[in-house]
N, C-alpha and C. Protein backbone atom coordinates (compact mmCIF):
# COMPACT_ATOMS: atom_id res chain seq x y z
N MET A 1 43.46 -27.93 42.97
CA MET A 1 42.99 -27.70 44.30
C MET A 1 41.44 -27.07 44.38
N THR A 2 40.49 -27.54 45.10
CA THR A 2 39.05 -27.16 44.91
C THR A 2 38.99 -26.10 45.94
N ARG A 3 37.94 -25.10 45.46
CA ARG A 3 37.57 -23.61 46.17
C ARG A 3 36.72 -24.36 47.36
N SER A 4 36.78 -23.68 48.39
CA SER A 4 35.70 -24.30 49.56
C SER A 4 34.25 -23.49 48.88
N ARG A 5 33.56 -24.07 49.68
CA ARG A 5 31.95 -23.75 49.24
C ARG A 5 31.88 -22.19 49.53
N ASP A 6 32.16 -21.68 50.42
CA ASP A 6 32.21 -20.14 50.69
C ASP A 6 32.71 -19.27 49.58
N GLU A 7 33.94 -19.58 49.12
CA GLU A 7 34.61 -19.12 48.14
C GLU A 7 33.77 -19.13 46.91
N LEU A 8 33.19 -20.07 46.66
CA LEU A 8 32.37 -20.34 45.45
C LEU A 8 31.18 -19.69 45.54
N ILE A 9 30.42 -19.59 46.80
CA ILE A 9 29.29 -18.83 46.82
C ILE A 9 29.80 -17.14 46.67
N ARG A 10 30.93 -16.95 47.21
CA ARG A 10 31.04 -15.44 46.90
C ARG A 10 31.44 -15.13 45.60
N ASP A 11 32.18 -15.99 45.10
CA ASP A 11 32.45 -15.35 43.66
C ASP A 11 31.01 -15.62 42.59
N LEU A 12 30.26 -16.29 42.86
CA LEU A 12 29.06 -16.38 42.20
C LEU A 12 28.22 -15.23 42.29
N THR A 13 28.46 -14.65 43.41
CA THR A 13 27.33 -13.62 43.86
C THR A 13 27.75 -12.13 44.14
N GLN A 14 29.14 -11.94 43.74
CA GLN A 14 29.91 -10.78 44.01
C GLN A 14 29.41 -9.57 43.15
N ASP A 15 29.11 -10.11 41.75
CA ASP A 15 28.28 -9.16 40.75
C ASP A 15 26.80 -8.89 40.84
N LEU A 16 26.19 -9.55 41.52
CA LEU A 16 24.73 -9.45 41.59
C LEU A 16 24.42 -8.20 42.27
N THR A 17 23.25 -7.78 41.85
CA THR A 17 22.74 -6.31 42.34
C THR A 17 21.37 -6.54 43.07
N PRO A 18 20.94 -5.94 44.03
CA PRO A 18 19.55 -6.24 44.66
C PRO A 18 18.49 -6.06 43.81
N ALA A 19 17.63 -6.79 43.61
CA ALA A 19 16.41 -6.52 42.69
C ALA A 19 15.62 -5.46 43.30
N ARG A 20 15.20 -4.45 42.19
CA ARG A 20 14.50 -3.38 42.79
C ARG A 20 12.70 -3.76 43.38
N ARG A 21 12.38 -3.24 44.38
CA ARG A 21 11.37 -3.83 44.90
C ARG A 21 10.17 -3.10 44.22
N LEU A 22 8.94 -4.13 43.81
CA LEU A 22 8.04 -3.65 43.15
C LEU A 22 6.83 -2.88 43.91
N ALA A 23 6.25 -1.82 43.28
CA ALA A 23 5.32 -1.33 44.20
C ALA A 23 4.13 -2.46 44.19
N PRO A 24 3.32 -2.15 45.19
CA PRO A 24 1.81 -3.42 45.21
C PRO A 24 1.30 -3.05 44.05
N ALA A 25 0.43 -3.96 43.65
CA ALA A 25 -0.32 -4.11 42.25
C ALA A 25 -1.38 -2.96 42.33
N ARG A 26 -1.74 -2.86 43.40
CA ARG A 26 -3.00 -1.67 43.60
C ARG A 26 -2.34 -0.15 43.41
N THR A 27 -1.21 -0.29 43.92
CA THR A 27 -0.54 1.18 43.97
C THR A 27 0.03 1.35 42.67
N ALA A 28 0.53 0.57 41.76
CA ALA A 28 1.07 0.58 40.49
C ALA A 28 -0.20 1.01 39.29
N ALA A 29 -1.20 0.29 39.76
CA ALA A 29 -2.32 0.27 38.99
C ALA A 29 -2.97 1.49 38.83
N LEU A 30 -3.21 2.37 40.09
CA LEU A 30 -3.47 3.57 40.51
C LEU A 30 -3.08 4.56 39.89
N ALA A 31 -1.49 4.60 40.04
CA ALA A 31 -0.62 5.46 39.61
C ALA A 31 -0.67 5.41 37.87
N TRP A 32 -0.69 4.36 37.47
CA TRP A 32 -0.57 4.47 35.82
C TRP A 32 -2.18 5.25 35.38
N LEU A 33 -3.30 4.77 36.34
CA LEU A 33 -4.62 5.11 35.78
C LEU A 33 -4.53 6.96 35.92
N ALA A 34 -4.30 7.04 37.28
CA ALA A 34 -4.17 8.58 37.32
C ALA A 34 -3.61 9.48 36.04
N THR A 35 -2.05 9.13 35.93
CA THR A 35 -1.22 9.74 34.87
C THR A 35 -2.19 9.67 33.35
N SER A 36 -2.45 8.42 33.14
CA SER A 36 -3.13 8.37 32.12
C SER A 36 -4.49 9.09 31.98
N LEU A 37 -5.12 9.14 32.47
CA LEU A 37 -6.44 9.76 32.58
C LEU A 37 -5.94 11.42 32.53
N LEU A 38 -5.15 11.78 33.19
CA LEU A 38 -4.86 13.34 33.02
C LEU A 38 -4.15 13.59 31.70
N PHE A 39 -3.48 12.70 31.07
CA PHE A 39 -2.71 12.80 29.70
C PHE A 39 -4.05 12.69 28.58
N VAL A 40 -4.77 11.56 28.56
CA VAL A 40 -6.04 11.70 27.83
C VAL A 40 -6.82 12.70 27.85
N ALA A 41 -7.22 13.27 29.23
CA ALA A 41 -8.26 14.42 29.17
C ALA A 41 -7.30 15.33 28.49
N LEU A 42 -6.24 15.94 28.89
CA LEU A 42 -5.43 17.27 28.41
C LEU A 42 -5.50 17.10 26.70
N ALA A 43 -5.17 15.73 26.12
CA ALA A 43 -5.06 15.63 24.83
C ALA A 43 -6.53 15.72 24.19
N THR A 44 -7.58 15.35 24.94
CA THR A 44 -9.03 15.36 24.23
C THR A 44 -9.25 16.89 24.21
N LEU A 45 -9.05 17.87 25.28
CA LEU A 45 -9.44 19.07 25.36
C LEU A 45 -8.42 19.89 24.70
N ALA A 46 -7.30 19.56 24.40
CA ALA A 46 -6.41 20.41 23.68
C ALA A 46 -6.80 20.24 22.00
N THR A 47 -7.49 19.36 21.68
CA THR A 47 -7.98 18.99 20.25
C THR A 47 -9.48 19.41 19.82
N GLY A 48 -9.97 19.88 20.93
CA GLY A 48 -11.38 20.51 20.91
C GLY A 48 -12.39 20.30 22.25
N PRO A 49 -13.37 20.97 22.05
CA PRO A 49 -14.21 20.83 23.35
C PRO A 49 -14.75 19.77 23.67
N LEU A 50 -15.38 19.61 24.72
CA LEU A 50 -16.28 18.37 25.01
C LEU A 50 -18.02 18.74 24.48
N ARG A 51 -18.67 17.78 24.21
CA ARG A 51 -19.94 17.84 23.48
C ARG A 51 -20.83 18.96 24.28
N PRO A 52 -21.33 19.86 23.48
CA PRO A 52 -22.20 20.90 24.11
C PRO A 52 -23.43 20.28 25.22
N GLY A 53 -23.56 20.55 26.50
CA GLY A 53 -24.61 19.82 27.17
C GLY A 53 -24.24 18.60 27.73
N VAL A 54 -22.88 18.11 27.67
CA VAL A 54 -22.64 16.63 28.19
C VAL A 54 -22.86 16.82 29.80
N LEU A 55 -22.65 17.62 30.43
CA LEU A 55 -22.58 17.65 31.98
C LEU A 55 -24.10 17.71 32.38
N GLY A 56 -24.86 18.03 31.46
CA GLY A 56 -26.38 18.18 32.01
C GLY A 56 -26.52 16.55 31.62
N GLN A 57 -26.38 16.09 30.52
CA GLN A 57 -26.63 14.90 30.02
C GLN A 57 -26.05 13.61 31.30
N LEU A 58 -24.95 14.21 31.93
CA LEU A 58 -24.34 13.20 33.08
C LEU A 58 -25.38 13.25 34.03
N ALA A 59 -25.73 14.33 34.53
CA ALA A 59 -26.63 14.67 35.33
C ALA A 59 -27.89 14.30 35.44
N MET A 60 -28.60 14.33 34.17
CA MET A 60 -30.22 14.14 33.97
C MET A 60 -30.50 12.58 33.33
N GLU A 61 -29.69 12.00 32.57
CA GLU A 61 -29.72 10.63 31.93
C GLU A 61 -28.85 9.76 32.48
N PRO A 62 -29.52 8.77 33.30
CA PRO A 62 -28.87 7.69 33.80
C PRO A 62 -28.06 6.89 32.80
N SER A 63 -28.38 6.74 31.57
CA SER A 63 -27.31 5.96 30.68
C SER A 63 -26.28 6.63 30.16
N CYS A 64 -25.97 8.15 30.40
CA CYS A 64 -24.69 8.47 30.04
C CYS A 64 -24.01 8.34 31.26
N ALA A 65 -24.33 8.66 32.47
CA ALA A 65 -23.48 8.35 33.73
C ALA A 65 -22.98 6.71 33.81
N LEU A 66 -23.81 5.65 33.45
CA LEU A 66 -23.41 4.36 33.16
C LEU A 66 -22.40 4.18 32.21
N ASP A 67 -22.71 4.91 30.85
CA ASP A 67 -21.78 4.81 29.99
C ASP A 67 -20.49 5.21 30.39
N VAL A 68 -20.11 6.14 31.41
CA VAL A 68 -18.95 6.76 32.01
C VAL A 68 -18.50 5.91 32.83
N LEU A 69 -19.48 5.20 33.63
CA LEU A 69 -18.86 4.49 34.62
C LEU A 69 -18.63 3.13 34.22
N LEU A 70 -18.99 2.34 33.01
CA LEU A 70 -18.65 1.43 32.51
C LEU A 70 -17.33 1.46 31.88
N GLY A 71 -17.14 2.55 31.19
CA GLY A 71 -15.74 2.73 30.56
C GLY A 71 -14.38 2.97 31.66
N LEU A 72 -14.77 3.75 32.61
CA LEU A 72 -13.74 4.00 33.49
C LEU A 72 -13.40 2.54 34.30
N VAL A 73 -14.45 1.93 34.48
CA VAL A 73 -14.19 0.45 35.63
C VAL A 73 -13.78 -0.39 34.63
N ALA A 74 -13.94 -0.59 33.43
CA ALA A 74 -13.25 -1.39 32.51
C ALA A 74 -11.99 -1.11 32.25
N SER A 75 -11.29 0.14 32.26
CA SER A 75 -9.92 0.37 32.21
C SER A 75 -9.36 -0.02 33.69
N THR A 76 -9.96 0.31 34.47
CA THR A 76 -9.56 0.10 35.89
C THR A 76 -9.08 -1.13 36.24
N LEU A 77 -10.16 -2.19 35.85
CA LEU A 77 -10.00 -3.87 35.93
C LEU A 77 -8.78 -4.33 35.16
N ALA A 78 -8.76 -3.59 33.90
CA ALA A 78 -7.87 -4.00 33.03
C ALA A 78 -6.36 -3.69 33.58
N ILE A 79 -6.07 -2.58 34.27
CA ILE A 79 -4.66 -2.23 34.51
C ILE A 79 -4.62 -2.95 36.17
N LEU A 80 -5.59 -3.08 36.61
CA LEU A 80 -5.43 -4.07 37.91
C LEU A 80 -4.90 -5.44 37.59
N GLY A 81 -5.61 -6.10 36.52
CA GLY A 81 -5.16 -7.14 35.96
C GLY A 81 -3.79 -7.50 35.48
N LEU A 82 -3.60 -6.65 35.04
CA LEU A 82 -2.44 -6.47 34.59
C LEU A 82 -1.20 -6.37 35.47
N ALA A 83 -1.54 -5.42 36.73
CA ALA A 83 -0.62 -5.45 37.82
C ALA A 83 -0.40 -6.67 38.53
N ARG A 84 -1.29 -7.31 38.50
CA ARG A 84 -1.39 -8.67 39.04
C ARG A 84 -0.60 -9.93 38.10
N LEU A 85 -0.98 -9.67 36.78
CA LEU A 85 -0.39 -10.58 35.90
C LEU A 85 1.09 -10.60 35.82
N ARG A 86 1.79 -9.51 35.91
CA ARG A 86 3.25 -9.09 35.78
C ARG A 86 3.90 -10.02 36.93
N ILE A 87 3.30 -10.55 38.04
CA ILE A 87 4.09 -10.92 39.16
C ILE A 87 3.47 -12.43 39.10
N PRO A 88 4.59 -13.35 38.76
CA PRO A 88 4.31 -14.96 38.71
C PRO A 88 3.50 -15.29 39.73
N GLY A 89 2.52 -15.99 39.76
CA GLY A 89 1.85 -16.72 40.67
C GLY A 89 0.77 -15.75 41.42
N ARG A 90 0.49 -14.56 40.82
CA ARG A 90 -0.54 -13.74 41.43
C ARG A 90 -2.07 -14.13 40.84
N ALA A 91 -1.80 -14.32 39.53
CA ALA A 91 -3.00 -14.68 38.67
C ALA A 91 -3.00 -15.39 37.45
N ARG A 92 -3.73 -15.94 36.82
CA ARG A 92 -3.54 -16.66 35.48
C ARG A 92 -4.28 -15.72 34.28
N GLY A 93 -3.52 -15.72 33.12
CA GLY A 93 -4.08 -14.71 32.19
C GLY A 93 -5.71 -14.73 31.83
N PRO A 94 -6.18 -15.91 31.57
CA PRO A 94 -7.86 -16.00 31.16
C PRO A 94 -8.51 -15.35 32.39
N SER A 95 -8.39 -16.20 33.55
CA SER A 95 -9.29 -15.46 34.72
C SER A 95 -8.82 -14.28 35.06
N GLY A 96 -7.46 -13.70 35.33
CA GLY A 96 -7.14 -12.12 35.60
C GLY A 96 -7.87 -11.41 34.45
N SER A 97 -8.30 -11.72 33.28
CA SER A 97 -8.65 -11.04 32.17
C SER A 97 -10.26 -10.87 32.05
N ILE A 98 -11.03 -11.78 32.54
CA ILE A 98 -12.11 -11.96 32.86
C ILE A 98 -13.24 -10.69 33.17
N PRO A 99 -12.61 -10.17 34.22
CA PRO A 99 -13.42 -8.99 34.85
C PRO A 99 -13.47 -7.86 33.88
N ALA A 100 -12.46 -7.36 33.51
CA ALA A 100 -12.19 -6.03 32.41
C ALA A 100 -12.87 -6.85 31.30
N LEU A 101 -12.62 -7.92 30.57
CA LEU A 101 -13.49 -8.06 29.25
C LEU A 101 -15.10 -8.20 29.70
N THR A 102 -15.31 -8.61 30.74
CA THR A 102 -16.60 -8.45 30.99
C THR A 102 -17.49 -7.02 30.94
N LEU A 103 -16.67 -6.18 31.52
CA LEU A 103 -17.16 -4.92 31.68
C LEU A 103 -17.05 -4.24 30.30
N LEU A 104 -15.95 -4.69 29.46
CA LEU A 104 -16.05 -3.98 28.12
C LEU A 104 -17.25 -4.60 27.38
N ALA A 105 -17.48 -6.03 27.39
CA ALA A 105 -19.02 -6.52 26.75
C ALA A 105 -20.11 -5.64 27.09
N ALA A 106 -20.22 -5.41 28.57
CA ALA A 106 -21.17 -4.83 29.01
C ALA A 106 -21.24 -3.27 28.65
N TRP A 107 -20.09 -2.74 28.57
CA TRP A 107 -20.18 -1.20 27.79
C TRP A 107 -20.77 -1.49 26.13
N VAL A 108 -20.19 -2.35 25.48
CA VAL A 108 -20.74 -2.44 24.35
C VAL A 108 -22.28 -2.91 24.17
N ALA A 109 -22.60 -3.66 25.00
CA ALA A 109 -24.31 -4.10 25.17
C ALA A 109 -24.98 -2.89 25.89
N LEU A 110 -24.47 -1.75 26.22
CA LEU A 110 -25.31 -0.75 26.71
C LEU A 110 -25.35 -0.09 25.42
N GLN A 111 -24.28 0.23 24.50
CA GLN A 111 -24.45 0.89 23.13
C GLN A 111 -25.60 0.21 22.42
N LEU A 112 -25.51 -1.23 22.11
CA LEU A 112 -26.48 -1.87 21.53
C LEU A 112 -28.02 -1.72 21.95
N PHE A 113 -28.05 -1.77 23.20
CA PHE A 113 -29.48 -1.15 23.67
C PHE A 113 -29.72 0.06 23.21
N GLY A 114 -28.93 1.11 23.15
CA GLY A 114 -29.12 2.23 23.11
C GLY A 114 -29.75 2.48 21.40
N LEU A 115 -29.49 1.64 20.61
CA LEU A 115 -29.81 1.52 19.31
C LEU A 115 -31.47 1.22 19.24
N PHE A 116 -32.17 0.79 20.15
CA PHE A 116 -33.23 0.12 20.18
C PHE A 116 -34.19 1.32 21.06
N VAL A 117 -33.58 2.28 21.69
CA VAL A 117 -34.02 3.06 22.59
C VAL A 117 -34.00 4.64 22.14
N GLU A 118 -32.94 4.88 21.60
CA GLU A 118 -32.42 6.17 20.97
C GLU A 118 -33.49 6.61 19.94
N PRO A 119 -33.92 7.92 19.72
CA PRO A 119 -34.70 8.41 18.70
C PRO A 119 -33.63 8.58 17.46
N SER A 120 -33.99 8.30 16.36
CA SER A 120 -33.80 8.42 15.08
C SER A 120 -34.11 9.54 14.15
N PRO A 121 -33.16 10.43 13.55
CA PRO A 121 -31.63 10.18 13.47
C PRO A 121 -31.31 10.72 14.76
N ALA A 122 -30.05 10.15 14.88
CA ALA A 122 -29.12 10.57 16.27
C ALA A 122 -28.63 12.01 15.97
N SER A 123 -28.48 12.56 16.89
CA SER A 123 -27.93 14.14 17.01
C SER A 123 -26.36 14.02 16.52
N THR A 124 -26.19 14.95 15.65
CA THR A 124 -24.65 14.92 15.59
C THR A 124 -23.86 16.17 16.10
N LEU A 125 -24.64 16.62 17.20
CA LEU A 125 -24.03 18.00 17.98
C LEU A 125 -22.86 17.39 18.61
N GLY A 126 -21.97 18.20 18.43
CA GLY A 126 -20.40 17.86 19.04
C GLY A 126 -19.64 17.02 18.20
N ALA A 127 -19.99 16.52 17.13
CA ALA A 127 -19.10 15.29 16.17
C ALA A 127 -17.99 16.04 15.94
N ARG A 128 -16.79 15.04 16.13
CA ARG A 128 -15.55 15.04 15.80
C ARG A 128 -14.94 14.56 14.40
N ALA A 129 -14.05 15.26 13.85
CA ALA A 129 -13.90 14.37 12.61
C ALA A 129 -12.69 13.44 13.19
N LEU A 130 -12.70 12.49 12.60
CA LEU A 130 -11.46 11.56 12.63
C LEU A 130 -11.41 10.96 14.28
N CYS A 131 -12.57 10.89 14.71
CA CYS A 131 -12.48 10.64 16.53
C CYS A 131 -12.12 9.28 16.56
N TRP A 132 -12.17 8.35 15.54
CA TRP A 132 -11.74 6.83 15.92
C TRP A 132 -10.09 7.15 15.69
N LEU A 133 -9.50 7.97 15.11
CA LEU A 133 -8.10 8.13 14.91
C LEU A 133 -7.65 8.60 16.40
N GLN A 134 -8.24 9.72 16.91
CA GLN A 134 -7.84 10.34 18.26
C GLN A 134 -7.84 9.29 19.32
N VAL A 135 -8.94 8.19 19.11
CA VAL A 135 -8.98 7.30 20.18
C VAL A 135 -7.47 6.40 20.05
N LEU A 136 -7.20 6.09 18.82
CA LEU A 136 -6.01 4.93 18.57
C LEU A 136 -4.73 5.94 18.90
N LEU A 137 -4.76 7.36 18.52
CA LEU A 137 -3.49 7.85 18.77
C LEU A 137 -3.49 8.26 20.48
N PHE A 138 -4.53 8.77 21.10
CA PHE A 138 -4.27 9.00 22.53
C PHE A 138 -4.07 7.66 23.40
N SER A 139 -4.30 6.51 22.82
CA SER A 139 -3.94 5.12 23.73
C SER A 139 -2.72 4.99 23.72
N LEU A 140 -1.87 5.55 22.62
CA LEU A 140 -0.42 4.93 22.54
C LEU A 140 0.33 5.17 23.58
N PRO A 141 0.35 6.42 24.23
CA PRO A 141 1.32 6.68 25.45
C PRO A 141 0.81 5.99 26.66
N PRO A 142 -0.57 5.98 26.77
CA PRO A 142 -1.00 4.89 28.03
C PRO A 142 -0.46 3.51 27.87
N LEU A 143 -0.47 2.66 26.38
CA LEU A 143 -0.08 1.60 26.20
C LEU A 143 1.49 1.43 26.43
N ALA A 144 2.22 2.19 26.05
CA ALA A 144 3.41 2.14 26.17
C ALA A 144 3.93 2.39 27.58
N ALA A 145 3.32 2.94 28.40
CA ALA A 145 3.57 2.89 30.01
C ALA A 145 3.04 1.77 30.63
N ALA A 146 1.83 1.33 30.11
CA ALA A 146 1.49 0.22 30.94
C ALA A 146 2.26 -1.27 30.24
N LEU A 147 2.86 -1.30 29.25
CA LEU A 147 3.97 -2.31 28.66
C LEU A 147 5.09 -1.98 29.71
N VAL A 148 5.68 -0.77 29.90
CA VAL A 148 6.78 -0.86 30.68
C VAL A 148 6.33 -1.19 32.00
N LEU A 149 5.10 -0.85 32.87
CA LEU A 149 4.92 -1.27 34.11
C LEU A 149 5.16 -2.90 34.26
N ALA A 150 4.66 -3.41 33.11
CA ALA A 150 4.55 -4.95 33.28
C ALA A 150 6.02 -5.50 32.90
N ARG A 151 6.71 -4.88 32.45
CA ARG A 151 8.18 -5.35 31.85
C ARG A 151 9.05 -5.46 33.02
N ARG A 152 8.80 -4.47 33.98
CA ARG A 152 9.78 -3.95 35.05
C ARG A 152 9.61 -5.09 35.94
N ALA A 153 8.53 -5.95 35.78
CA ALA A 153 8.21 -7.28 36.72
C ALA A 153 8.76 -8.56 35.83
N ALA A 154 8.01 -9.52 35.93
CA ALA A 154 8.24 -10.84 35.09
C ALA A 154 7.08 -11.43 34.76
N PRO A 155 6.45 -11.04 33.80
CA PRO A 155 4.97 -11.54 33.34
C PRO A 155 5.37 -12.84 32.68
N LEU A 156 4.50 -13.87 32.91
CA LEU A 156 4.83 -15.25 32.58
C LEU A 156 3.82 -15.52 31.24
N GLU A 157 2.73 -14.61 31.02
CA GLU A 157 1.93 -14.77 29.89
C GLU A 157 1.93 -13.41 29.28
N PRO A 158 2.61 -13.04 28.42
CA PRO A 158 3.00 -11.79 27.93
C PRO A 158 1.78 -11.34 26.79
N GLU A 159 0.97 -12.24 26.33
CA GLU A 159 0.10 -11.88 25.48
C GLU A 159 -1.26 -11.48 26.14
N TRP A 160 -1.60 -12.31 27.16
CA TRP A 160 -2.53 -11.81 28.33
C TRP A 160 -2.26 -10.40 28.88
N THR A 161 -1.06 -10.28 29.13
CA THR A 161 -0.68 -8.91 29.96
C THR A 161 -0.78 -8.18 28.96
N GLY A 162 -0.14 -8.06 27.70
CA GLY A 162 -0.27 -7.14 26.63
C GLY A 162 -1.62 -6.97 26.23
N LEU A 163 -2.69 -7.80 26.19
CA LEU A 163 -3.99 -7.37 25.94
C LEU A 163 -4.64 -6.42 26.92
N LEU A 164 -4.32 -6.89 28.02
CA LEU A 164 -4.86 -6.07 29.15
C LEU A 164 -4.26 -4.55 29.13
N ALA A 165 -3.12 -4.57 28.99
CA ALA A 165 -2.48 -3.20 28.66
C ALA A 165 -3.25 -2.47 27.56
N GLY A 166 -3.42 -2.91 26.43
CA GLY A 166 -4.08 -2.43 25.27
C GLY A 166 -5.47 -2.12 25.77
N LEU A 167 -6.31 -2.94 26.28
CA LEU A 167 -7.59 -2.61 26.77
C LEU A 167 -7.75 -1.70 27.93
N ALA A 168 -6.83 -1.64 28.86
CA ALA A 168 -6.82 -0.25 29.85
C ALA A 168 -6.38 1.03 28.92
N ALA A 169 -5.51 0.87 27.96
CA ALA A 169 -4.87 2.00 27.33
C ALA A 169 -6.22 2.56 26.52
N GLY A 170 -6.74 1.80 25.64
CA GLY A 170 -7.64 2.20 24.87
C GLY A 170 -9.14 2.52 25.29
N ALA A 171 -9.58 1.91 26.43
CA ALA A 171 -10.88 2.35 27.09
C ALA A 171 -10.79 4.03 27.38
N LEU A 172 -9.69 4.38 27.70
CA LEU A 172 -9.80 5.86 28.49
C LEU A 172 -9.92 6.63 27.30
N PRO A 173 -9.50 6.68 26.07
CA PRO A 173 -9.78 7.95 24.92
C PRO A 173 -11.10 7.69 24.25
N ALA A 174 -11.52 6.25 24.31
CA ALA A 174 -12.89 5.77 24.08
C ALA A 174 -13.89 6.54 24.83
N LEU A 175 -13.74 6.39 26.19
CA LEU A 175 -14.44 7.15 27.02
C LEU A 175 -14.33 8.70 26.73
N ALA A 176 -13.27 9.24 26.62
CA ALA A 176 -13.11 10.59 26.42
C ALA A 176 -14.06 11.02 25.25
N MET A 177 -14.06 10.39 24.09
CA MET A 177 -14.75 10.46 23.18
C MET A 177 -16.00 10.38 23.10
N GLN A 178 -16.62 9.69 24.22
CA GLN A 178 -18.28 9.55 24.42
C GLN A 178 -18.36 10.85 24.93
N LEU A 179 -17.58 11.42 25.80
CA LEU A 179 -18.01 12.94 26.23
C LEU A 179 -17.61 13.93 25.55
N ALA A 180 -16.91 13.98 24.33
CA ALA A 180 -16.41 15.09 23.40
C ALA A 180 -17.31 15.09 22.18
N CYS A 181 -17.43 13.73 21.68
CA CYS A 181 -18.12 13.63 20.30
C CYS A 181 -19.43 13.52 20.28
N MET A 182 -20.23 13.38 19.03
CA MET A 182 -21.45 13.42 19.14
C MET A 182 -21.96 11.91 19.93
N HIS A 183 -23.31 12.14 20.48
CA HIS A 183 -24.02 10.95 21.19
C HIS A 183 -24.83 10.32 20.36
N ALA A 184 -24.31 9.00 19.86
CA ALA A 184 -25.20 8.14 18.85
C ALA A 184 -24.73 6.94 19.33
N PRO A 185 -25.33 5.82 19.43
CA PRO A 185 -24.94 4.47 20.02
C PRO A 185 -24.26 3.87 18.88
N LEU A 186 -24.60 3.90 17.51
CA LEU A 186 -24.02 3.31 16.65
C LEU A 186 -22.75 3.92 16.24
N HIS A 187 -22.45 5.21 16.14
CA HIS A 187 -21.54 5.90 15.99
C HIS A 187 -20.36 5.53 17.14
N ALA A 188 -21.00 5.38 18.48
CA ALA A 188 -20.02 4.96 19.55
C ALA A 188 -19.64 3.55 19.29
N LEU A 189 -20.20 2.54 18.81
CA LEU A 189 -19.72 1.22 18.47
C LEU A 189 -18.87 1.39 17.40
N VAL A 190 -18.96 1.83 16.39
CA VAL A 190 -18.09 1.85 15.45
C VAL A 190 -16.82 2.65 15.36
N ALA A 191 -16.84 4.02 15.95
CA ALA A 191 -15.92 4.83 15.97
C ALA A 191 -15.28 5.03 17.47
N HIS A 192 -15.91 4.73 18.56
CA HIS A 192 -15.03 4.64 19.88
C HIS A 192 -14.76 3.48 20.38
N LEU A 193 -15.68 2.60 20.18
CA LEU A 193 -15.36 1.30 20.88
C LEU A 193 -14.54 0.16 20.16
N ALA A 194 -15.03 0.24 18.74
CA ALA A 194 -14.29 -0.79 17.87
C ALA A 194 -12.60 -0.57 17.93
N PRO A 195 -12.18 0.88 18.23
CA PRO A 195 -10.89 0.97 18.10
C PRO A 195 -10.15 0.64 19.58
N VAL A 196 -10.85 0.41 20.38
CA VAL A 196 -10.22 -0.32 21.71
C VAL A 196 -10.09 -1.88 21.48
N LEU A 197 -10.96 -2.49 20.79
CA LEU A 197 -10.74 -3.83 20.39
C LEU A 197 -9.21 -3.98 19.56
N PHE A 198 -8.91 -2.91 18.52
CA PHE A 198 -7.87 -2.81 17.95
C PHE A 198 -6.41 -2.83 18.96
N VAL A 199 -6.92 -1.54 19.57
CA VAL A 199 -5.74 -1.43 20.75
C VAL A 199 -5.59 -2.38 21.50
N ALA A 200 -6.46 -3.28 21.95
CA ALA A 200 -6.25 -4.54 23.02
C ALA A 200 -5.32 -5.63 22.19
N GLY A 201 -5.72 -5.72 20.87
CA GLY A 201 -5.07 -6.85 20.08
C GLY A 201 -3.58 -6.20 19.53
N LEU A 202 -3.59 -5.05 19.42
CA LEU A 202 -2.12 -4.47 19.41
C LEU A 202 -1.27 -4.67 20.63
N GLY A 203 -1.72 -4.57 21.70
CA GLY A 203 -1.21 -4.65 23.13
C GLY A 203 -0.78 -5.96 23.10
N ALA A 204 -1.61 -7.29 22.69
CA ALA A 204 -1.13 -8.37 23.03
C ALA A 204 -0.14 -8.91 21.89
N ALA A 205 -0.05 -8.22 20.71
CA ALA A 205 0.90 -8.72 19.92
C ALA A 205 2.22 -7.71 20.46
N LEU A 206 2.17 -6.79 20.98
CA LEU A 206 3.41 -5.99 21.33
C LEU A 206 3.80 -6.79 22.88
N GLY A 207 2.83 -7.26 23.42
CA GLY A 207 3.39 -7.94 24.73
C GLY A 207 4.05 -9.15 24.26
N ARG A 208 3.75 -10.06 23.24
CA ARG A 208 4.67 -10.95 22.93
C ARG A 208 5.78 -10.87 22.55
N LEU A 209 6.37 -9.49 21.86
CA LEU A 209 7.34 -9.15 21.40
C LEU A 209 8.19 -8.53 22.68
N VAL A 210 7.80 -7.75 23.36
CA VAL A 210 8.42 -7.15 24.48
C VAL A 210 8.55 -7.49 25.84
N LEU A 211 7.33 -8.17 26.32
CA LEU A 211 7.54 -8.96 27.42
C LEU A 211 7.68 -10.37 27.62
N ARG A 212 8.14 -10.90 26.53
CA ARG A 212 8.78 -12.40 26.54
C ARG A 212 10.05 -12.52 26.86
N ARG A 213 10.58 -13.13 28.04
CA ARG A 213 11.91 -13.26 28.36
C ARG A 213 12.52 -14.05 27.72
N ALA A 214 13.69 -14.05 27.46
CA ALA A 214 14.69 -14.81 26.79
C ALA A 214 15.02 -16.00 27.49
């Protein structure tokens, strides 16, 4: 004896639970950005002071203000890109990553430009020991939070999504070190911004592991 269509549908759906409604991409991204900024700021201040005179530099030297702006916008665009990539059909991996990668490239270019205009030797005022390690360590909780944010949805391109998670997470402590550690373009490239590339690569690898659906 065959079951009726209504009975079949009821049997197939009786154990289903309603899907949790996702927060809008912009809301999710801004929530991550606010909490991650707070964490990185507290972690940075807990391990040492800001560089002496940094507030005056921000007010008087346009390059310092641009430095901060590029780092912050790079992280913001990365987490916005992740928030869109986590929802199928909202964006594609390469195109969704271009804005954040472009800002990161501009940030690197600013340091390269500084190599030609900064006086030599650079001041070591405010230098922090193992600042590159602090960039890596301070990026790990925001990276984990970004991956959780992505996993709550259904990203179809886990590597690109993970790369954006790493870029967003790594840019914030790199920016913090630009304010807390010595102001020197070569040092910034090697010890502050290079770790961002490592964290982005780590994010891509982790994305492939934890965001891929069975």
